[in-house]
């Protein structure tokens, strides 16, 4: 599992930023994303949410079979 920590200051009203974040996935134009699960959510002075995205990989079938993997990634 890969953890990402990113900080960015948006030059838009907070309500627009939050609406954009919530509507990003699932998205009909991103058919490779098959699930979005919330693992943890807390609201202290900061709002923190940990999510897991389930995706379909675009790896060639022979590579998936050779290494015994799956097309699903989390």
PDB file of N, CA and C in Angstrom:
ATOM      1  N   UNK A   1       0.845  -1.157   0.000  1.00  0.00           N
ATOM      2  CA  UNK A   1       0.000   0.000   0.000  1.00  0.00           C
ATOM      3  C   UNK A   1       0.897   1.230   0.000  1.00  0.00           C
ATOM      4  N   UNK A   2       0.514   2.214  -0.745  1.00  0.00           N
ATOM      5  CA  UNK A   2       1.297   3.439  -0.899  1.00  0.00           C
ATOM      6  C   UNK A   2       0.568   4.585  -0.206  1.00  0.00           C
ATOM      7  N   UNK A   3       1.254   5.275   0.703  1.00  0.00           N
ATOM      8  CA  UNK A   3       0.660   6.407   1.403  1.00  0.00           C
ATOM      9  C   UNK A   3       1.157   7.703   0.786  1.00  0.00           C
ATOM     10  N   UNK A   4       0.265   8.641   0.636  1.00  0.00           N
ATOM     11  CA  UNK A   4       0.603   9.927   0.032  1.00  0.00           C
ATOM     12  C   UNK A   4       0.174  11.039   0.980  1.00  0.00           C
ATOM     13  N   UNK A   5       1.052  11.990   1.190  1.00  0.00           N
ATOM     14  CA  UNK A   5       0.720  13.174   1.974  1.00  0.00           C
ATOM     15  C   UNK A   5       1.002  14.385   1.102  1.00  0.00           C
ATOM     16  N   UNK A   6      -0.006  15.187   0.853  1.00  0.00           N
ATOM     17  CA  UNK A   6       0.142  16.312  -0.060  1.00  0.00           C
ATOM     18  C   UNK A   6      -0.554  17.534   0.529  1.00  0.00           C
ATOM     19  N   UNK A   7       0.111  18.676   0.466  1.00  0.00           N
ATOM     20  CA  UNK A   7      -0.455  19.930   0.949  1.00  0.00           C
ATOM     21  C   UNK A   7      -0.487  20.911  -0.214  1.00  0.00           C
ATOM     22  N   UNK A   8      -1.635  21.567  -0.383  1.00  0.00           N
ATOM     23  CA  UNK A   8      -1.778  22.539  -1.468  1.00  0.00           C
ATOM     24  C   UNK A   8      -2.780  23.601  -1.029  1.00  0.00           C
ATOM     25  N   UNK A   9      -2.492  24.848  -1.309  1.00  0.00           N
ATOM     26  CA  UNK A   9      -3.414  25.946  -1.009  1.00  0.00           C
ATOM     27  C   UNK A   9      -4.224  26.272  -2.262  1.00  0.00           C
ATOM     28  N   UNK A  10      -5.542  26.113  -2.161  1.00  0.00           N
ATOM     29  CA  UNK A  10      -6.427  26.360  -3.290  1.00  0.00           C
ATOM     30  C   UNK A  10      -6.902  27.811  -3.278  1.00  0.00           C
ATOM     31  N   UNK A  11      -6.922  28.444  -4.432  1.00  0.00           N
ATOM     32  CA  UNK A  11      -7.413  29.814  -4.561  1.00  0.00           C
ATOM     33  C   UNK A  11      -8.895  29.833  -4.933  1.00  0.00           C
ATOM     34  N   UNK A  12      -9.673  29.013  -4.231  1.00  0.00           N
ATOM     35  CA  UNK A  12     -11.110  28.908  -4.466  1.00  0.00           C
ATOM     36  C   UNK A  12     -11.804  28.826  -3.113  1.00  0.00           C
ATOM     37  N   UNK A  13     -13.085  29.122  -3.058  1.00  0.00           N
ATOM     38  CA  UNK A  13     -13.806  28.962  -1.793  1.00  0.00           C
ATOM     39  C   UNK A  13     -13.747  27.505  -1.323  1.00  0.00           C
ATOM     40  N   UNK A  14     -13.660  27.314  -0.017  1.00  0.00           N
ATOM     41  CA  UNK A  14     -13.538  25.974   0.553  1.00  0.00           C
ATOM     42  C   UNK A  14     -14.690  25.072   0.109  1.00  0.00           C
ATOM     43  N   UNK A  15     -15.895  25.603   0.004  1.00  0.00           N
ATOM     44  CA  UNK A  15     -17.041  24.778  -0.401  1.00  0.00           C
ATOM     45  C   UNK A  15     -16.846  24.200  -1.800  1.00  0.00           C
ATOM     46  N   UNK A  16     -16.241  24.942  -2.718  1.00  0.00           N
ATOM     47  CA  UNK A  16     -15.983  24.431  -4.075  1.00  0.00           C
ATOM     48  C   UNK A  16     -14.932  23.330  -4.054  1.00  0.00           C
ATOM     49  N   UNK A  17     -13.906  23.501  -3.233  1.00  0.00           N
ATOM     50  CA  UNK A  17     -12.840  22.494  -3.131  1.00  0.00           C
ATOM     51  C   UNK A  17     -13.405  21.185  -2.594  1.00  0.00           C
ATOM     52  N   UNK A  18     -14.214  21.261  -1.550  1.00  0.00           N
ATOM     53  CA  UNK A  18     -14.776  20.055  -0.937  1.00  0.00           C
ATOM     54  C   UNK A  18     -15.730  19.349  -1.893  1.00  0.00           C
ATOM     55  N   UNK A  19     -16.579  20.090  -2.568  1.00  0.00           N
ATOM     56  CA  UNK A  19     -17.508  19.481  -3.527  1.00  0.00           C
ATOM     57  C   UNK A  19     -16.738  18.777  -4.643  1.00  0.00           C
ATOM     58  N   UNK A  20     -15.678  19.404  -5.136  1.00  0.00           N
ATOM     59  CA  UNK A  20     -14.852  18.775  -6.170  1.00  0.00           C
ATOM     60  C   UNK A  20     -14.205  17.493  -5.696  1.00  0.00           C
ATOM     61  N   UNK A  21     -13.721  17.484  -4.452  1.00  0.00           N
ATOM     62  CA  UNK A  21     -13.081  16.288  -3.899  1.00  0.00           C
ATOM     63  C   UNK A  21     -14.079  15.140  -3.771  1.00  0.00           C
ATOM     64  N   UNK A  22     -15.274  15.429  -3.279  1.00  0.00           N
ATOM     65  CA  UNK A  22     -16.263  14.377  -3.084  1.00  0.00           C
ATOM     66  C   UNK A  22     -16.792  13.820  -4.403  1.00  0.00           C
ATOM     67  N   UNK A  23     -16.808  14.633  -5.444  1.00  0.00           N
ATOM     68  CA  UNK A  23     -17.352  14.184  -6.728  1.00  0.00           C
ATOM     69  C   UNK A  23     -16.294  13.618  -7.672  1.00  0.00           C
ATOM     70  N   UNK A  24     -15.042  13.594  -7.249  1.00  0.00           N
ATOM     71  CA  UNK A  24     -13.980  13.118  -8.139  1.00  0.00           C
ATOM     72  C   UNK A  24     -14.131  11.627  -8.447  1.00  0.00           C
ATOM     73  N   UNK A  25     -14.333  10.806  -7.441  1.00  0.00           N
ATOM     74  CA  UNK A  25     -14.528   9.362  -7.617  1.00  0.00           C
ATOM     75  C   UNK A  25     -15.732   8.942  -6.812  1.00  0.00           C
ATOM     76  N   UNK A  26     -16.515   7.990  -7.239  1.00  0.00           N
ATOM     77  CA  UNK A  26     -16.517   7.365  -8.552  1.00  0.00           C
ATOM     78  C   UNK A  26     -16.985   8.343  -9.622  1.00  0.00           C
ATOM     79  N   UNK A  27     -16.476   8.122 -10.816  1.00  0.00           N
ATOM     80  CA  UNK A  27     -16.700   9.035 -11.929  1.00  0.00           C
ATOM     81  C   UNK A  27     -16.897   8.194 -13.188  1.00  0.00           C
ATOM     82  N   UNK A  28     -17.958   8.402 -13.962  1.00  0.00           N
ATOM     83  CA  UNK A  28     -18.182   7.589 -15.159  1.00  0.00           C
ATOM     84  C   UNK A  28     -17.056   7.689 -16.185  1.00  0.00           C
ATOM     85  N   UNK A  29     -16.286   8.766 -16.156  1.00  0.00           N
ATOM     86  CA  UNK A  29     -15.173   8.912 -17.097  1.00  0.00           C
ATOM     87  C   UNK A  29     -13.911   8.201 -16.615  1.00  0.00           C
ATOM     88  N   UNK A  30     -13.918   7.732 -15.382  1.00  0.00           N
ATOM     89  CA  UNK A  30     -12.777   6.989 -14.824  1.00  0.00           C
ATOM     90  C   UNK A  30     -13.237   5.558 -14.561  1.00  0.00           C
ATOM     91  N   UNK A  31     -13.465   4.806 -15.617  1.00  0.00           N
ATOM     92  CA  UNK A  31     -14.020   3.458 -15.478  1.00  0.00           C
ATOM     93  C   UNK A  31     -13.053   2.486 -14.816  1.00  0.00           C
ATOM     94  N   UNK A  32     -11.763   2.834 -14.723  1.00  0.00           N
ATOM     95  CA  UNK A  32     -10.802   1.956 -14.068  1.00  0.00           C
ATOM     96  C   UNK A  32     -10.969   1.953 -12.546  1.00  0.00           C
ATOM     97  N   UNK A  33     -11.636   2.962 -11.966  1.00  0.00           N
ATOM     98  CA  UNK A  33     -11.898   2.999 -10.526  1.00  0.00           C
ATOM     99  C   UNK A  33     -13.188   2.229 -10.276  1.00  0.00           C
ATOM    100  N   UNK A  34     -13.077   1.095  -9.550  1.00  0.00           N
ATOM    101  CA  UNK A  34     -14.238   0.231  -9.355  1.00  0.00           C
ATOM    102  C   UNK A  34     -14.863   0.373  -7.971  1.00  0.00           C
ATOM    103  N   UNK A  35     -14.115   0.917  -7.000  1.00  0.00           N
ATOM    104  CA  UNK A  35     -14.681   1.106  -5.668  1.00  0.00           C
ATOM    105  C   UNK A  35     -13.943   2.213  -4.930  1.00  0.00           C
ATOM    106  N   UNK A  36     -14.658   2.856  -4.011  1.00  0.00           N
ATOM    107  CA  UNK A  36     -14.080   3.873  -3.134  1.00  0.00           C
ATOM    108  C   UNK A  36     -14.577   3.560  -1.727  1.00  0.00           C
ATOM    109  N   UNK A  37     -13.658   3.239  -0.822  1.00  0.00           N
ATOM    110  CA  UNK A  37     -14.019   2.895   0.548  1.00  0.00           C
ATOM    111  C   UNK A  37     -13.354   3.857   1.522  1.00  0.00           C
ATOM    112  N   UNK A  38     -14.107   4.307   2.520  1.00  0.00           N
ATOM    113  CA  UNK A  38     -13.571   5.182   3.561  1.00  0.00           C
ATOM    114  C   UNK A  38     -13.096   4.303   4.710  1.00  0.00           C
ATOM    115  N   UNK A  39     -11.796   4.392   5.049  1.00  0.00           N
ATOM    116  CA  UNK A  39     -11.237   3.615   6.147  1.00  0.00           C
ATOM    117  C   UNK A  39     -11.326   4.357   7.471  1.00  0.00           C
ATOM    118  N   UNK A  40     -11.101   5.669   7.433  1.00  0.00           N
ATOM    119  CA  UNK A  40     -11.085   6.448   8.669  1.00  0.00           C
ATOM    120  C   UNK A  40     -11.449   7.891   8.348  1.00  0.00           C
ATOM    121  N   UNK A  41     -12.152   8.516   9.270  1.00  0.00           N
ATOM    122  CA  UNK A  41     -12.521   9.921   9.095  1.00  0.00           C
ATOM    123  C   UNK A  41     -12.508  10.576  10.468  1.00  0.00           C
ATOM    124  N   UNK A  42     -11.881  11.742  10.561  1.00  0.00           N
ATOM    125  CA  UNK A  42     -11.881  12.486  11.820  1.00  0.00           C
ATOM    126  C   UNK A  42     -12.010  13.970  11.528  1.00  0.00           C
ATOM    127  N   UNK A  43     -12.674  14.663  12.452  1.00  0.00           N
ATOM    128  CA  UNK A  43     -12.835  16.106  12.330  1.00  0.00           C
ATOM    129  C   UNK A  43     -12.344  16.715  13.639  1.00  0.00           C
ATOM    130  N   UNK A  44     -11.114  17.161  13.633  1.00  0.00           N
ATOM    131  CA  UNK A  44     -10.531  17.884  14.759  1.00  0.00           C
ATOM    132  C   UNK A  44     -10.446  19.327  14.277  1.00  0.00           C
ATOM    133  N   UNK A  45      -9.376  20.021  14.598  1.00  0.00           N
ATOM    134  CA  UNK A  45      -9.212  21.290  13.898  1.00  0.00           C
ATOM    135  C   UNK A  45      -9.068  21.063  12.395  1.00  0.00           C
ATOM    136  N   UNK A  46      -8.559  19.901  12.009  1.00  0.00           N
ATOM    137  CA  UNK A  46      -8.426  19.549  10.595  1.00  0.00           C
ATOM    138  C   UNK A  46      -9.377  18.402  10.282  1.00  0.00           C
ATOM    139  N   UNK A  47      -9.884  18.378   9.077  1.00  0.00           N
ATOM    140  CA  UNK A  47     -10.687  17.252   8.626  1.00  0.00           C
ATOM    141  C   UNK A  47      -9.756  16.292   7.909  1.00  0.00           C
ATOM    142  N   UNK A  48      -9.709  15.046   8.384  1.00  0.00           N
ATOM    143  CA  UNK A  48      -8.820  14.040   7.810  1.00  0.00           C
ATOM    144  C   UNK A  48      -9.657  12.836   7.404  1.00  0.00           C
ATOM    145  N   UNK A  49      -9.408  12.340   6.211  1.00  0.00           N
ATOM    146  CA  UNK A  49     -10.117  11.168   5.721  1.00  0.00           C
ATOM    147  C   UNK A  49      -9.133  10.257   5.013  1.00  0.00           C
ATOM    148  N   UNK A  50      -9.210   8.962   5.317  1.00  0.00           N
ATOM    149  CA  UNK A  50      -8.375   7.966   4.654  1.00  0.00           C
ATOM    150  C   UNK A  50      -9.280   7.091   3.806  1.00  0.00           C
ATOM    151  N   UNK A  51      -9.011   7.054   2.491  1.00  0.00           N
ATOM    152  CA  UNK A  51      -9.830   6.265   1.572  1.00  0.00           C
ATOM    153  C   UNK A  51      -8.964   5.275   0.807  1.00  0.00           C
ATOM    154  N   UNK A  52      -9.582   4.195   0.368  1.00  0.00           N
ATOM    155  CA  UNK A  52      -8.933   3.207  -0.490  1.00  0.00           C
ATOM    156  C   UNK A  52      -9.698   3.175  -1.805  1.00  0.00           C
ATOM    157  N   UNK A  53      -8.967   3.307  -2.900  1.00  0.00           N
ATOM    158  CA  UNK A  53      -9.568   3.214  -4.228  1.00  0.00           C
ATOM    159  C   UNK A  53      -9.248   1.843  -4.810  1.00  0.00           C
ATOM    160  N   UNK A  54     -10.250   1.138  -5.272  1.00  0.00           N
ATOM    161  CA  UNK A  54     -10.045  -0.112  -5.991  1.00  0.00           C
ATOM    162  C   UNK A  54     -10.003   0.178  -7.477  1.00  0.00           C
ATOM    163  N   UNK A  55      -8.948  -0.265  -8.149  1.00  0.00           N
ATOM    164  CA  UNK A  55      -8.752   0.059  -9.568  1.00  0.00           C
ATOM    165  C   UNK A  55      -8.468  -1.198 -10.376  1.00  0.00           C
ATOM    166  N   UNK A  56      -8.797  -1.133 -11.648  1.00  0.00           N
ATOM    167  CA  UNK A  56      -8.404  -2.166 -12.610  1.00  0.00           C
ATOM    168  C   UNK A  56      -7.105  -1.724 -13.264  1.00  0.00           C
ATOM    169  N   UNK A  57      -6.098  -2.599 -13.245  1.00  0.00           N
ATOM    170  CA  UNK A  57      -4.818  -2.287 -13.863  1.00  0.00           C
ATOM    171  C   UNK A  57      -4.891  -2.514 -15.362  1.00  0.00           C
ATOM    172  N   UNK A  58      -4.059  -1.810 -16.078  1.00  0.00           N
ATOM    173  CA  UNK A  58      -3.984  -1.968 -17.532  1.00  0.00           C
ATOM    174  C   UNK A  58      -2.757  -2.791 -17.923  1.00  0.00           C
ATOM    175  N   UNK A  59      -2.350  -3.717 -17.062  1.00  0.00           N
ATOM    176  CA  UNK A  59      -1.198  -4.564 -17.363  1.00  0.00           C
ATOM    177  C   UNK A  59      -1.590  -5.609 -18.410  1.00  0.00           C
ATOM    178  N   UNK A  60      -0.653  -5.982 -19.279  1.00  0.00           N
ATOM    179  CA  UNK A  60      -0.935  -7.042 -20.252  1.00  0.00           C
ATOM    180  C   UNK A  60      -1.303  -8.350 -19.544  1.00  0.00           C
ATOM    181  N   UNK A  61      -2.222  -9.092 -20.130  1.00  0.00           N
ATOM    182  CA  UNK A  61      -2.711 -10.333 -19.529  1.00  0.00           C
ATOM    183  C   UNK A  61      -1.588 -11.316 -19.255  1.00  0.00           C
ATOM    184  N   UNK A  62      -0.611 -11.429 -20.153  1.00  0.00           N
ATOM    185  CA  UNK A  62       0.459 -12.405 -19.968  1.00  0.00           C
ATOM    186  C   UNK A  62       1.329 -12.052 -18.757  1.00  0.00           C
ATOM    187  N   UNK A  63       1.482 -10.781 -18.445  1.00  0.00           N
ATOM    188  CA  UNK A  63       2.262 -10.393 -17.262  1.00  0.00           C
ATOM    189  C   UNK A  63       1.500 -10.757 -15.991  1.00  0.00           C
ATOM    190  N   UNK A  64       0.192 -10.518 -15.989  1.00  0.00           N
ATOM    191  CA  UNK A  64      -0.627 -10.869 -14.827  1.00  0.00           C
ATOM    192  C   UNK A  64      -0.570 -12.371 -14.585  1.00  0.00           C
ATOM    193  N   UNK A  65      -0.659 -13.176 -15.648  1.00  0.00           N
ATOM    194  CA  UNK A  65      -0.593 -14.633 -15.506  1.00  0.00           C
ATOM    195  C   UNK A  65       0.794 -15.098 -15.086  1.00  0.00           C
ATOM    196  N   UNK A  66       1.846 -14.493 -15.635  1.00  0.00           N
ATOM    197  CA  UNK A  66       3.220 -14.884 -15.332  1.00  0.00           C
ATOM    198  C   UNK A  66       3.553 -14.670 -13.861  1.00  0.00           C
ATOM    199  N   UNK A  67       3.151 -13.547 -13.307  1.00  0.00           N
ATOM    200  CA  UNK A  67       3.486 -13.228 -11.921  1.00  0.00           C
ATOM    201  C   UNK A  67       2.383 -13.603 -10.937  1.00  0.00           C
ATOM    202  N   UNK A  68       1.304 -14.183 -11.427  1.00  0.00           N
ATOM    203  CA  UNK A  68       0.234 -14.647 -10.547  1.00  0.00           C
ATOM    204  C   UNK A  68      -0.526 -13.525  -9.864  1.00  0.00           C
ATOM    205  N   UNK A  69      -0.558 -12.382 -10.461  1.00  0.00           N
ATOM    206  CA  UNK A  69      -1.235 -11.233  -9.859  1.00  0.00           C
ATOM    207  C   UNK A  69      -2.701 -11.178 -10.224  1.00  0.00           C
ATOM    208  N   UNK A  70      -3.242 -10.019 -10.090  1.00  0.00           N
ATOM    209  CA  UNK A  70      -4.642  -9.776 -10.386  1.00  0.00           C
ATOM    210  C   UNK A  70      -4.754  -8.447 -11.125  1.00  0.00           C
ATOM    211  N   UNK A  71      -5.823  -8.277 -11.852  1.00  0.00           N
ATOM    212  CA  UNK A  71      -6.061  -6.991 -12.507  1.00  0.00           C
ATOM    213  C   UNK A  71      -6.540  -5.944 -11.511  1.00  0.00           C
ATOM    214  N   UNK A  72      -6.965  -6.389 -10.327  1.00  0.00           N
ATOM    215  CA  UNK A  72      -7.447  -5.461  -9.308  1.00  0.00           C
ATOM    216  C   UNK A  72      -6.285  -4.932  -8.480  1.00  0.00           C
ATOM    217  N   UNK A  73      -6.301  -3.649  -8.181  1.00  0.00           N
ATOM    218  CA  UNK A  73      -5.277  -3.017  -7.348  1.00  0.00           C
ATOM    219  C   UNK A  73      -5.967  -2.118  -6.337  1.00  0.00           C
ATOM    220  N   UNK A  74      -5.355  -1.985  -5.149  1.00  0.00           N
ATOM    221  CA  UNK A  74      -5.916  -1.127  -4.093  1.00  0.00           C
ATOM    222  C   UNK A  74      -4.851  -0.200  -3.581  1.00  0.00           C
TER     223      UNK A  74
END
